[in-house]
N, C-alpha and C. Protein backbone atom coordinates (compact mmCIF):
# COMPACT_ATOMS: atom_id res chain seq x y z
N MET A 1 -67.09 39.01 -27.99
CA MET A 1 -67.56 37.75 -27.42
C MET A 1 -66.51 37.17 -26.49
N THR A 2 -66.95 36.50 -25.44
CA THR A 2 -66.03 35.83 -24.53
C THR A 2 -66.42 34.36 -24.43
N GLU A 3 -65.52 33.58 -23.84
CA GLU A 3 -65.81 32.17 -23.61
C GLU A 3 -66.14 31.93 -22.14
N LEU A 4 -66.56 32.95 -21.44
CA LEU A 4 -66.89 32.81 -20.03
C LEU A 4 -68.36 32.46 -19.87
N THR A 5 -68.65 31.61 -18.93
CA THR A 5 -70.05 31.32 -18.63
C THR A 5 -70.53 32.27 -17.55
N ARG A 6 -71.82 32.41 -17.46
CA ARG A 6 -72.39 33.26 -16.42
C ARG A 6 -72.03 32.73 -15.03
N ALA A 7 -72.04 31.41 -14.88
CA ALA A 7 -71.71 30.81 -13.59
C ALA A 7 -70.27 31.16 -13.17
N GLU A 8 -69.36 31.16 -14.14
CA GLU A 8 -67.97 31.52 -13.84
C GLU A 8 -67.87 32.97 -13.37
N ILE A 9 -68.55 33.85 -14.09
CA ILE A 9 -68.49 35.27 -13.72
C ILE A 9 -69.16 35.49 -12.37
N GLU A 10 -70.27 34.82 -12.13
CA GLU A 10 -70.94 34.97 -10.84
C GLU A 10 -70.05 34.48 -9.70
N GLY A 11 -69.32 33.38 -9.92
CA GLY A 11 -68.41 32.89 -8.89
C GLY A 11 -67.28 33.88 -8.64
N PHE A 12 -66.75 34.47 -9.71
CA PHE A 12 -65.71 35.47 -9.56
C PHE A 12 -66.24 36.69 -8.82
N TRP A 13 -67.46 37.10 -9.16
CA TRP A 13 -68.06 38.27 -8.52
C TRP A 13 -68.30 38.02 -7.03
N ASP A 14 -68.73 36.82 -6.68
CA ASP A 14 -68.91 36.49 -5.27
C ASP A 14 -67.59 36.61 -4.51
N SER A 15 -66.50 36.17 -5.15
CA SER A 15 -65.20 36.27 -4.49
C SER A 15 -64.77 37.73 -4.37
N TRP A 16 -65.18 38.55 -5.33
CA TRP A 16 -64.88 39.99 -5.28
C TRP A 16 -65.62 40.65 -4.12
N LEU A 17 -66.89 40.33 -3.96
CA LEU A 17 -67.66 40.89 -2.85
C LEU A 17 -67.06 40.46 -1.51
N ALA A 18 -66.61 39.22 -1.42
CA ALA A 18 -66.05 38.72 -0.18
C ALA A 18 -64.75 39.42 0.17
N ILE A 19 -63.88 39.64 -0.82
CA ILE A 19 -62.60 40.29 -0.53
C ILE A 19 -62.81 41.77 -0.22
N ASN A 20 -63.86 42.37 -0.79
CA ASN A 20 -64.19 43.75 -0.43
C ASN A 20 -64.57 43.85 1.04
N ARG A 21 -65.35 42.89 1.53
CA ARG A 21 -65.72 42.90 2.95
C ARG A 21 -64.47 42.74 3.83
N GLU A 22 -63.53 41.92 3.39
CA GLU A 22 -62.29 41.76 4.15
C GLU A 22 -61.51 43.07 4.19
N ALA A 23 -61.47 43.77 3.05
CA ALA A 23 -60.78 45.07 3.00
C ALA A 23 -61.44 46.07 3.94
N GLU A 24 -62.78 46.08 3.96
CA GLU A 24 -63.49 46.98 4.87
C GLU A 24 -63.20 46.63 6.33
N ARG A 25 -63.10 45.35 6.61
CA ARG A 25 -62.86 44.91 7.99
C ARG A 25 -61.48 45.34 8.48
N THR A 26 -60.47 45.23 7.63
CA THR A 26 -59.09 45.52 8.04
C THR A 26 -58.69 46.97 7.77
N GLY A 27 -59.41 47.63 6.87
CA GLY A 27 -59.04 48.99 6.49
C GLY A 27 -57.90 49.03 5.48
N ASP A 28 -57.51 47.88 4.96
CA ASP A 28 -56.43 47.81 3.96
C ASP A 28 -57.01 47.23 2.67
N TRP A 29 -57.16 48.09 1.67
CA TRP A 29 -57.79 47.69 0.42
C TRP A 29 -56.83 46.99 -0.53
N ARG A 30 -55.56 46.94 -0.17
CA ARG A 30 -54.56 46.33 -1.06
C ARG A 30 -54.80 44.84 -1.27
N VAL A 31 -55.59 44.22 -0.39
CA VAL A 31 -55.86 42.79 -0.56
C VAL A 31 -56.65 42.52 -1.84
N LEU A 32 -57.25 43.55 -2.43
CA LEU A 32 -58.01 43.36 -3.66
C LEU A 32 -57.11 43.14 -4.87
N ALA A 33 -55.82 43.45 -4.74
CA ALA A 33 -54.92 43.48 -5.90
C ALA A 33 -54.88 42.15 -6.64
N GLY A 34 -55.00 41.05 -5.93
CA GLY A 34 -54.91 39.75 -6.57
C GLY A 34 -56.01 39.46 -7.56
N HIS A 35 -57.08 40.23 -7.54
CA HIS A 35 -58.18 40.02 -8.48
C HIS A 35 -57.91 40.69 -9.84
N TYR A 36 -56.85 41.48 -9.92
CA TYR A 36 -56.55 42.21 -11.16
C TYR A 36 -55.50 41.49 -11.99
N ALA A 37 -55.62 41.60 -13.31
CA ALA A 37 -54.60 41.08 -14.21
C ALA A 37 -53.32 41.90 -14.06
N GLU A 38 -52.21 41.28 -14.41
CA GLU A 38 -50.92 41.96 -14.28
C GLU A 38 -50.87 43.25 -15.08
N ASP A 39 -51.59 43.31 -16.22
CA ASP A 39 -51.56 44.49 -17.08
C ASP A 39 -52.89 45.25 -17.07
N ALA A 40 -53.67 45.07 -16.01
CA ALA A 40 -54.97 45.73 -15.91
C ALA A 40 -54.81 47.25 -15.83
N THR A 41 -55.89 47.96 -16.22
CA THR A 41 -55.94 49.41 -16.04
C THR A 41 -57.16 49.75 -15.19
N TYR A 42 -57.01 50.82 -14.40
CA TYR A 42 -58.08 51.22 -13.47
C TYR A 42 -58.08 52.74 -13.41
N GLY A 43 -59.21 53.34 -13.76
CA GLY A 43 -59.26 54.79 -13.77
C GLY A 43 -60.61 55.35 -13.39
N TRP A 44 -60.60 56.67 -13.12
CA TRP A 44 -61.83 57.44 -12.87
C TRP A 44 -61.51 58.92 -13.08
N MET A 45 -62.54 59.74 -13.06
CA MET A 45 -62.36 61.17 -13.31
C MET A 45 -62.69 61.97 -12.07
N TYR A 46 -61.78 62.89 -11.70
CA TYR A 46 -62.06 63.86 -10.66
C TYR A 46 -62.64 65.14 -11.25
N ALA A 47 -62.12 65.55 -12.39
CA ALA A 47 -62.54 66.78 -13.07
C ALA A 47 -62.17 66.59 -14.54
N PRO A 48 -62.71 67.44 -15.44
CA PRO A 48 -62.43 67.25 -16.86
C PRO A 48 -60.93 67.16 -17.18
N ASP A 49 -60.09 67.86 -16.44
CA ASP A 49 -58.66 67.78 -16.72
C ASP A 49 -57.87 67.22 -15.54
N GLU A 50 -58.54 66.47 -14.67
CA GLU A 50 -57.83 65.70 -13.65
C GLU A 50 -58.45 64.32 -13.58
N HIS A 51 -57.68 63.36 -14.07
CA HIS A 51 -58.10 61.98 -14.08
C HIS A 51 -57.13 61.15 -13.26
N PHE A 52 -57.65 60.05 -12.73
CA PHE A 52 -56.77 59.06 -12.10
C PHE A 52 -56.66 57.87 -13.03
N MET A 53 -55.43 57.34 -13.13
CA MET A 53 -55.24 56.11 -13.91
C MET A 53 -54.06 55.33 -13.34
N ALA A 54 -54.31 54.06 -13.09
CA ALA A 54 -53.26 53.13 -12.69
C ALA A 54 -53.14 52.08 -13.78
N VAL A 55 -51.91 51.76 -14.16
CA VAL A 55 -51.66 50.79 -15.21
C VAL A 55 -50.82 49.66 -14.63
N GLY A 56 -51.38 48.46 -14.63
CA GLY A 56 -50.69 47.31 -14.09
C GLY A 56 -51.07 47.03 -12.64
N ARG A 57 -50.94 45.79 -12.26
CA ARG A 57 -51.35 45.36 -10.92
C ARG A 57 -50.61 46.11 -9.82
N ASP A 58 -49.32 46.37 -10.02
CA ASP A 58 -48.54 47.04 -8.98
C ASP A 58 -49.05 48.45 -8.72
N GLN A 59 -49.32 49.21 -9.79
CA GLN A 59 -49.86 50.57 -9.60
C GLN A 59 -51.25 50.53 -9.01
N ILE A 60 -52.05 49.55 -9.41
CA ILE A 60 -53.39 49.43 -8.84
C ILE A 60 -53.29 49.18 -7.34
N ARG A 61 -52.40 48.28 -6.94
CA ARG A 61 -52.22 47.98 -5.52
C ARG A 61 -51.69 49.20 -4.76
N ASP A 62 -50.67 49.86 -5.31
CA ASP A 62 -50.00 50.93 -4.58
C ASP A 62 -50.72 52.26 -4.66
N TRP A 63 -51.41 52.54 -5.76
CA TRP A 63 -52.05 53.83 -5.96
C TRP A 63 -53.56 53.78 -5.81
N ALA A 64 -54.23 52.98 -6.66
CA ALA A 64 -55.70 53.00 -6.71
C ALA A 64 -56.32 52.49 -5.42
N ILE A 65 -55.83 51.35 -4.92
CA ILE A 65 -56.38 50.79 -3.68
C ILE A 65 -55.39 50.94 -2.54
N GLY A 66 -54.37 51.78 -2.77
CA GLY A 66 -53.39 52.10 -1.76
C GLY A 66 -53.53 53.54 -1.33
N ILE A 67 -52.79 54.43 -1.97
CA ILE A 67 -52.80 55.85 -1.63
C ILE A 67 -54.22 56.42 -1.65
N GLU A 68 -55.00 56.09 -2.69
CA GLU A 68 -56.32 56.68 -2.84
C GLU A 68 -57.31 56.22 -1.77
N MET A 69 -57.08 55.05 -1.19
CA MET A 69 -58.02 54.52 -0.20
C MET A 69 -57.50 54.62 1.23
N ASP A 70 -56.23 54.93 1.40
CA ASP A 70 -55.70 55.06 2.75
C ASP A 70 -56.45 56.15 3.51
N GLY A 71 -56.77 55.89 4.76
CA GLY A 71 -57.47 56.87 5.59
C GLY A 71 -58.97 56.72 5.59
N LEU A 72 -59.48 55.87 4.71
CA LEU A 72 -60.93 55.68 4.66
C LEU A 72 -61.35 54.50 5.55
N ASP A 73 -60.74 54.44 6.73
CA ASP A 73 -61.06 53.39 7.69
C ASP A 73 -62.53 53.48 8.08
N GLY A 74 -63.21 52.36 8.06
CA GLY A 74 -64.61 52.34 8.45
C GLY A 74 -65.59 52.66 7.34
N TRP A 75 -65.08 53.13 6.20
CA TRP A 75 -65.96 53.41 5.07
C TRP A 75 -66.37 52.11 4.40
N ARG A 76 -67.58 52.08 3.85
CA ARG A 76 -68.09 50.89 3.17
C ARG A 76 -68.62 51.30 1.79
N TYR A 77 -68.49 50.35 0.90
CA TYR A 77 -68.96 50.56 -0.47
C TYR A 77 -69.92 49.42 -0.78
N ASP A 78 -71.08 49.48 -0.19
CA ASP A 78 -72.06 48.40 -0.29
C ASP A 78 -72.67 48.37 -1.69
N TYR A 79 -72.51 47.26 -2.38
CA TYR A 79 -73.09 47.12 -3.71
C TYR A 79 -74.61 46.97 -3.59
N GLN A 80 -75.32 47.83 -4.29
CA GLN A 80 -76.78 47.84 -4.25
C GLN A 80 -77.40 47.02 -5.37
N ALA A 81 -76.71 46.93 -6.47
CA ALA A 81 -77.22 46.18 -7.63
C ALA A 81 -76.04 45.81 -8.52
N THR A 82 -76.18 44.71 -9.24
CA THR A 82 -75.13 44.22 -10.12
C THR A 82 -75.74 43.78 -11.44
N LEU A 83 -75.10 44.16 -12.54
CA LEU A 83 -75.48 43.70 -13.86
C LEU A 83 -74.32 42.89 -14.43
N ILE A 84 -74.61 41.67 -14.89
CA ILE A 84 -73.59 40.80 -15.45
C ILE A 84 -73.89 40.54 -16.92
N ASP A 85 -72.89 40.77 -17.76
CA ASP A 85 -73.00 40.53 -19.20
C ASP A 85 -71.97 39.46 -19.57
N GLU A 86 -72.39 38.21 -19.57
CA GLU A 86 -71.45 37.13 -19.84
C GLU A 86 -71.03 37.10 -21.31
N LYS A 87 -71.86 37.64 -22.21
CA LYS A 87 -71.52 37.67 -23.63
C LYS A 87 -70.26 38.49 -23.86
N ASN A 88 -70.18 39.64 -23.20
CA ASN A 88 -69.06 40.56 -23.40
C ASN A 88 -68.06 40.55 -22.25
N GLY A 89 -68.29 39.71 -21.24
CA GLY A 89 -67.36 39.62 -20.13
C GLY A 89 -67.30 40.88 -19.29
N MET A 90 -68.45 41.47 -19.01
CA MET A 90 -68.51 42.71 -18.25
C MET A 90 -69.41 42.56 -17.02
N VAL A 91 -69.05 43.31 -15.99
CA VAL A 91 -69.89 43.44 -14.80
C VAL A 91 -69.97 44.92 -14.45
N VAL A 92 -71.17 45.37 -14.12
CA VAL A 92 -71.35 46.73 -13.59
C VAL A 92 -71.95 46.61 -12.20
N GLY A 93 -71.28 47.22 -11.23
CA GLY A 93 -71.76 47.21 -9.86
C GLY A 93 -72.04 48.62 -9.39
N PHE A 94 -73.21 48.83 -8.79
CA PHE A 94 -73.60 50.14 -8.27
C PHE A 94 -73.46 50.11 -6.75
N TRP A 95 -72.71 51.06 -6.18
CA TRP A 95 -72.47 51.04 -4.74
C TRP A 95 -72.83 52.36 -4.07
N LYS A 96 -73.17 52.23 -2.79
CA LYS A 96 -73.34 53.40 -1.92
C LYS A 96 -72.06 53.57 -1.11
N GLN A 97 -71.70 54.82 -0.89
CA GLN A 97 -70.46 55.14 -0.18
C GLN A 97 -70.82 55.67 1.20
N ARG A 98 -70.62 54.83 2.22
CA ARG A 98 -70.99 55.17 3.59
C ARG A 98 -69.76 55.24 4.48
N SER A 99 -69.78 56.19 5.39
CA SER A 99 -68.56 56.56 6.12
C SER A 99 -68.32 55.80 7.42
N GLY A 100 -69.35 55.25 8.03
CA GLY A 100 -69.18 54.67 9.36
C GLY A 100 -69.09 55.73 10.45
N ILE A 101 -69.33 57.00 10.11
CA ILE A 101 -69.28 58.12 11.05
C ILE A 101 -70.70 58.67 11.21
N THR A 102 -71.12 58.86 12.44
CA THR A 102 -72.50 59.28 12.72
C THR A 102 -72.62 60.79 12.85
N ASP A 103 -73.65 61.33 12.23
CA ASP A 103 -74.00 62.74 12.36
C ASP A 103 -74.80 62.90 13.66
N ASP A 104 -74.25 63.62 14.64
CA ASP A 104 -74.91 63.76 15.94
C ASP A 104 -76.26 64.45 15.82
N ALA A 105 -76.40 65.34 14.84
CA ALA A 105 -77.64 66.09 14.71
C ALA A 105 -78.80 65.22 14.23
N THR A 106 -78.50 64.24 13.40
CA THR A 106 -79.56 63.42 12.83
C THR A 106 -79.54 61.97 13.32
N GLY A 107 -78.42 61.57 13.86
CA GLY A 107 -78.26 60.17 14.25
C GLY A 107 -78.01 59.25 13.09
N GLN A 108 -77.88 59.83 11.89
CA GLN A 108 -77.67 59.03 10.70
C GLN A 108 -76.19 58.99 10.32
N GLU A 109 -75.83 57.96 9.61
CA GLU A 109 -74.46 57.82 9.13
C GLU A 109 -74.22 58.78 7.97
N TYR A 110 -73.06 59.44 7.98
CA TYR A 110 -72.71 60.27 6.83
C TYR A 110 -72.55 59.38 5.60
N GLU A 111 -73.19 59.81 4.51
CA GLU A 111 -73.20 59.01 3.28
C GLU A 111 -73.10 59.93 2.08
N VAL A 112 -72.35 59.51 1.08
CA VAL A 112 -72.33 60.24 -0.19
C VAL A 112 -73.64 59.94 -0.91
N LEU A 113 -74.41 60.97 -1.21
CA LEU A 113 -75.78 60.76 -1.70
C LEU A 113 -75.86 60.46 -3.19
N GLY A 114 -74.82 60.78 -3.94
CA GLY A 114 -74.85 60.49 -5.37
C GLY A 114 -74.67 59.01 -5.66
N ILE A 115 -74.97 58.61 -6.88
CA ILE A 115 -74.82 57.22 -7.30
C ILE A 115 -73.37 56.96 -7.70
N GLY A 116 -72.80 55.90 -7.15
CA GLY A 116 -71.44 55.50 -7.51
C GLY A 116 -71.44 54.11 -8.10
N GLY A 117 -70.44 53.82 -8.89
CA GLY A 117 -70.39 52.49 -9.47
C GLY A 117 -69.05 52.17 -10.09
N SER A 118 -68.88 50.90 -10.43
CA SER A 118 -67.67 50.40 -11.08
C SER A 118 -68.07 49.52 -12.26
N TRP A 119 -67.33 49.69 -13.35
CA TRP A 119 -67.56 48.94 -14.59
C TRP A 119 -66.31 48.09 -14.81
N PHE A 120 -66.50 46.78 -14.87
CA PHE A 120 -65.38 45.85 -14.93
C PHE A 120 -65.38 45.07 -16.24
N GLY A 121 -64.19 44.82 -16.76
CA GLY A 121 -64.00 43.86 -17.83
C GLY A 121 -63.32 42.63 -17.25
N ILE A 122 -63.97 41.48 -17.38
CA ILE A 122 -63.46 40.23 -16.81
C ILE A 122 -62.97 39.33 -17.95
N GLU A 123 -61.79 38.75 -17.77
CA GLU A 123 -61.29 37.86 -18.81
C GLU A 123 -60.53 36.69 -18.19
N ARG A 124 -60.43 35.62 -18.98
CA ARG A 124 -59.62 34.49 -18.56
C ARG A 124 -58.20 34.71 -19.08
N ARG A 125 -57.26 34.65 -18.19
CA ARG A 125 -55.87 34.86 -18.59
C ARG A 125 -55.33 33.63 -19.30
N THR A 126 -54.51 33.86 -20.31
CA THR A 126 -53.99 32.75 -21.11
C THR A 126 -52.49 32.55 -20.93
N LYS A 127 -51.82 33.51 -20.30
CA LYS A 127 -50.36 33.42 -20.17
C LYS A 127 -49.94 33.76 -18.75
N GLY A 128 -48.71 33.40 -18.41
CA GLY A 128 -48.11 33.80 -17.14
C GLY A 128 -48.65 33.02 -15.96
N ALA A 129 -48.34 33.53 -14.78
CA ALA A 129 -48.71 32.85 -13.55
C ALA A 129 -50.22 32.77 -13.36
N ASP A 130 -50.97 33.68 -14.01
CA ASP A 130 -52.43 33.70 -13.85
C ASP A 130 -53.17 32.92 -14.93
N ALA A 131 -52.45 32.18 -15.76
CA ALA A 131 -53.06 31.46 -16.88
C ALA A 131 -54.20 30.57 -16.39
N GLY A 132 -55.33 30.68 -17.07
CA GLY A 132 -56.51 29.90 -16.74
C GLY A 132 -57.43 30.54 -15.72
N GLN A 133 -56.96 31.59 -15.05
CA GLN A 133 -57.76 32.24 -14.01
C GLN A 133 -58.53 33.44 -14.56
N LEU A 134 -59.67 33.73 -13.95
CA LEU A 134 -60.41 34.94 -14.27
C LEU A 134 -59.81 36.11 -13.50
N LYS A 135 -59.62 37.21 -14.20
CA LYS A 135 -59.06 38.42 -13.59
C LYS A 135 -59.78 39.65 -14.15
N ILE A 136 -59.67 40.75 -13.44
CA ILE A 136 -60.18 42.03 -13.93
C ILE A 136 -59.16 42.61 -14.90
N ALA A 137 -59.56 42.77 -16.16
CA ALA A 137 -58.67 43.32 -17.18
C ALA A 137 -58.68 44.84 -17.16
N TRP A 138 -59.81 45.41 -16.80
CA TRP A 138 -59.93 46.86 -16.69
C TRP A 138 -61.09 47.20 -15.76
N GLN A 139 -60.99 48.37 -15.16
CA GLN A 139 -62.06 48.88 -14.29
C GLN A 139 -62.14 50.38 -14.47
N ARG A 140 -63.34 50.88 -14.57
CA ARG A 140 -63.57 52.32 -14.61
C ARG A 140 -64.68 52.64 -13.60
N ASP A 141 -64.42 53.61 -12.73
CA ASP A 141 -65.38 54.02 -11.71
C ASP A 141 -66.01 55.35 -12.08
N TRP A 142 -67.19 55.59 -11.53
CA TRP A 142 -67.79 56.92 -11.60
C TRP A 142 -68.44 57.20 -10.25
N PHE A 143 -68.48 58.47 -9.90
CA PHE A 143 -69.12 58.89 -8.66
C PHE A 143 -69.47 60.36 -8.76
N ASP A 144 -70.34 60.78 -7.89
CA ASP A 144 -70.80 62.16 -7.88
C ASP A 144 -69.80 62.99 -7.08
N MET A 145 -68.88 63.64 -7.78
CA MET A 145 -67.80 64.38 -7.10
C MET A 145 -68.32 65.52 -6.23
N PRO A 146 -69.28 66.35 -6.69
CA PRO A 146 -69.80 67.41 -5.79
C PRO A 146 -70.43 66.84 -4.52
N SER A 147 -71.18 65.74 -4.65
CA SER A 147 -71.79 65.13 -3.47
C SER A 147 -70.73 64.56 -2.54
N THR A 148 -69.69 63.96 -3.11
CA THR A 148 -68.60 63.42 -2.30
C THR A 148 -67.91 64.54 -1.52
N ALA A 149 -67.59 65.62 -2.20
CA ALA A 149 -66.93 66.75 -1.55
C ALA A 149 -67.81 67.34 -0.45
N HIS A 150 -69.12 67.41 -0.71
CA HIS A 150 -70.06 67.94 0.27
C HIS A 150 -70.06 67.09 1.55
N THR A 151 -70.10 65.78 1.39
CA THR A 151 -70.13 64.89 2.55
C THR A 151 -68.83 64.98 3.34
N PHE A 152 -67.71 65.03 2.64
CA PHE A 152 -66.42 65.17 3.33
C PHE A 152 -66.37 66.47 4.12
N MET A 153 -66.89 67.56 3.54
CA MET A 153 -66.88 68.84 4.22
C MET A 153 -67.80 68.82 5.44
N GLU A 154 -68.95 68.14 5.34
CA GLU A 154 -69.85 68.02 6.48
C GLU A 154 -69.15 67.32 7.65
N ILE A 155 -68.44 66.25 7.35
CA ILE A 155 -67.71 65.51 8.38
C ILE A 155 -66.63 66.39 8.99
N LEU A 156 -65.93 67.14 8.15
CA LEU A 156 -64.87 68.02 8.61
C LEU A 156 -65.43 69.13 9.50
N GLN A 157 -66.51 69.78 9.06
CA GLN A 157 -67.08 70.89 9.82
C GLN A 157 -67.69 70.44 11.14
N ALA A 158 -68.11 69.19 11.21
CA ALA A 158 -68.67 68.66 12.45
C ALA A 158 -67.58 68.22 13.43
N GLY A 159 -66.33 68.33 13.01
CA GLY A 159 -65.22 67.90 13.86
C GLY A 159 -65.16 66.39 14.01
N LYS A 160 -65.70 65.68 13.04
CA LYS A 160 -65.80 64.22 13.12
C LYS A 160 -64.71 63.50 12.33
N ALA A 161 -63.88 64.26 11.62
CA ALA A 161 -62.89 63.63 10.76
C ALA A 161 -61.69 63.16 11.57
N PRO A 162 -61.41 61.85 11.58
CA PRO A 162 -60.20 61.37 12.25
C PRO A 162 -58.96 61.82 11.50
N GLY A 163 -57.81 61.72 12.15
CA GLY A 163 -56.56 62.15 11.54
C GLY A 163 -56.27 61.45 10.23
N THR A 164 -56.62 60.17 10.14
CA THR A 164 -56.37 59.42 8.91
C THR A 164 -57.18 59.97 7.75
N LEU A 165 -58.42 60.41 8.04
CA LEU A 165 -59.26 60.98 6.99
C LEU A 165 -58.75 62.35 6.59
N LEU A 166 -58.31 63.14 7.55
CA LEU A 166 -57.74 64.45 7.23
C LEU A 166 -56.54 64.31 6.31
N LYS A 167 -55.72 63.29 6.59
CA LYS A 167 -54.56 63.05 5.74
C LYS A 167 -55.01 62.66 4.35
N ARG A 168 -56.04 61.81 4.25
CA ARG A 168 -56.54 61.40 2.94
C ARG A 168 -57.09 62.58 2.17
N MET A 169 -57.76 63.51 2.85
CA MET A 169 -58.34 64.66 2.18
C MET A 169 -57.28 65.59 1.60
N SER A 170 -56.05 65.44 2.08
CA SER A 170 -54.95 66.26 1.54
C SER A 170 -54.35 65.65 0.28
N VAL A 171 -54.77 64.42 -0.04
CA VAL A 171 -54.25 63.73 -1.23
C VAL A 171 -55.07 64.18 -2.44
N ALA A 172 -54.59 65.19 -3.11
CA ALA A 172 -55.32 65.74 -4.24
C ALA A 172 -54.36 66.48 -5.16
N GLY A 173 -54.77 66.65 -6.39
CA GLY A 173 -53.98 67.42 -7.33
C GLY A 173 -53.09 66.57 -8.21
N HIS A 174 -52.53 67.21 -9.23
CA HIS A 174 -51.75 66.50 -10.23
C HIS A 174 -50.41 65.99 -9.71
N GLY A 175 -49.99 66.41 -8.53
CA GLY A 175 -48.73 65.93 -7.99
C GLY A 175 -48.83 64.56 -7.34
N VAL A 176 -50.04 64.05 -7.17
CA VAL A 176 -50.25 62.75 -6.53
C VAL A 176 -50.05 61.65 -7.57
N PRO A 177 -49.37 60.56 -7.21
CA PRO A 177 -49.19 59.47 -8.18
C PRO A 177 -50.51 58.99 -8.78
N GLY A 178 -50.54 58.89 -10.09
CA GLY A 178 -51.73 58.42 -10.78
C GLY A 178 -52.67 59.51 -11.23
N HIS A 179 -52.43 60.76 -10.82
CA HIS A 179 -53.28 61.87 -11.24
C HIS A 179 -52.69 62.51 -12.50
N TYR A 180 -53.50 62.60 -13.55
CA TYR A 180 -53.01 63.05 -14.85
C TYR A 180 -53.91 64.13 -15.45
N HIS A 181 -53.29 65.02 -16.24
CA HIS A 181 -54.06 65.83 -17.17
C HIS A 181 -54.59 64.88 -18.25
N HIS A 182 -55.73 65.23 -18.83
CA HIS A 182 -56.35 64.34 -19.81
C HIS A 182 -55.38 63.98 -20.94
N LYS A 183 -54.63 64.93 -21.43
CA LYS A 183 -53.74 64.68 -22.56
C LYS A 183 -52.59 63.75 -22.21
N ASP A 184 -52.32 63.58 -20.92
CA ASP A 184 -51.17 62.77 -20.50
C ASP A 184 -51.55 61.38 -20.01
N LEU A 185 -52.83 61.02 -20.09
CA LEU A 185 -53.27 59.74 -19.56
C LEU A 185 -52.54 58.57 -20.21
N PRO A 186 -52.08 57.59 -19.40
CA PRO A 186 -51.39 56.43 -19.96
C PRO A 186 -52.33 55.36 -20.48
N SER A 187 -53.63 55.49 -20.24
CA SER A 187 -54.64 54.62 -20.82
C SER A 187 -55.85 55.47 -21.12
N THR A 188 -56.80 54.93 -21.85
CA THR A 188 -57.95 55.70 -22.29
C THR A 188 -59.00 55.83 -21.19
N VAL A 189 -59.75 56.95 -21.22
CA VAL A 189 -60.83 57.16 -20.24
C VAL A 189 -61.84 56.03 -20.35
N TRP A 190 -62.32 55.77 -21.56
CA TRP A 190 -63.14 54.59 -21.80
C TRP A 190 -62.20 53.38 -21.80
N PRO A 191 -62.64 52.23 -21.30
CA PRO A 191 -61.76 51.05 -21.29
C PRO A 191 -61.21 50.79 -22.69
N PRO A 192 -59.95 50.37 -22.80
CA PRO A 192 -59.32 50.22 -24.13
C PRO A 192 -60.14 49.47 -25.16
N PRO A 193 -60.73 48.29 -24.87
CA PRO A 193 -61.50 47.61 -25.93
C PRO A 193 -62.78 48.35 -26.31
N VAL A 194 -63.33 49.11 -25.36
CA VAL A 194 -64.52 49.91 -25.67
C VAL A 194 -64.12 51.10 -26.54
N GLU A 195 -63.04 51.76 -26.17
CA GLU A 195 -62.53 52.87 -26.97
C GLU A 195 -62.18 52.41 -28.38
N ARG A 196 -61.70 51.19 -28.49
CA ARG A 196 -61.32 50.62 -29.78
C ARG A 196 -62.53 50.32 -30.65
N GLY A 197 -63.71 50.22 -30.03
CA GLY A 197 -64.93 49.97 -30.79
C GLY A 197 -65.38 48.53 -30.81
N ASP A 198 -64.84 47.71 -29.90
CA ASP A 198 -65.17 46.29 -29.90
C ASP A 198 -66.62 46.00 -29.53
N PHE A 199 -67.29 46.95 -28.85
CA PHE A 199 -68.63 46.66 -28.32
C PHE A 199 -69.67 47.66 -28.80
N ILE A 200 -69.43 48.27 -29.95
CA ILE A 200 -70.37 49.28 -30.47
C ILE A 200 -71.78 48.71 -30.56
N THR A 201 -72.74 49.37 -29.94
CA THR A 201 -74.14 48.93 -30.01
C THR A 201 -75.01 49.93 -30.79
N GLN A 202 -74.47 51.11 -31.07
CA GLN A 202 -75.20 52.07 -31.87
C GLN A 202 -74.19 52.91 -32.65
N GLU A 203 -74.23 52.78 -33.94
CA GLU A 203 -73.30 53.54 -34.77
C GLU A 203 -73.60 55.03 -34.69
N PRO A 204 -72.58 55.89 -34.82
CA PRO A 204 -72.82 57.32 -34.78
C PRO A 204 -73.82 57.76 -35.86
N ALA A 205 -74.63 58.73 -35.51
CA ALA A 205 -75.59 59.26 -36.47
C ALA A 205 -74.85 59.92 -37.63
N GLN A 206 -75.38 59.77 -38.80
CA GLN A 206 -74.76 60.35 -40.01
C GLN A 206 -75.23 61.78 -40.22
């Protein structure tokens, strides 16, 4: 249970959508960092044994919305639908991943066709400089990796990939900051309070 009202979460979400548009406009996603708690975690999966995880606002700024997003100039992550759970302090946003690059053969924008989304835990901070403010305590993303790879390859084969995107496509593998083998993850794949069992809605079958 949380002490957040739906109106508070909706106001926070509106500010999140607005700062996302600013990031898209400038091509610098680091401006999103202020929406995260100092000890927030942010992760997603590339493959069963390659996960990304950032722990703390600094790593989120420098890795998750820094290194991982650099080179995606002109890309947009338009939210198509949002679910808000004020009882548990959660928001789920479903987004489309569009490149801003046109396919000459079809006249259509290159787009990742799979469903992508972000699952957020929102909380009111009680200590430190952020006391009293709503912040993202954790975020977990999912996306269709085969579809993403396919779209990137289409752009590459069409000769449409700018140098910044080519550089971004080289950012892969366990040597990149924040990329971990599953056994080495510094936080859980499922958000910590969910992994802990705080929100169980169906007990395991006996």
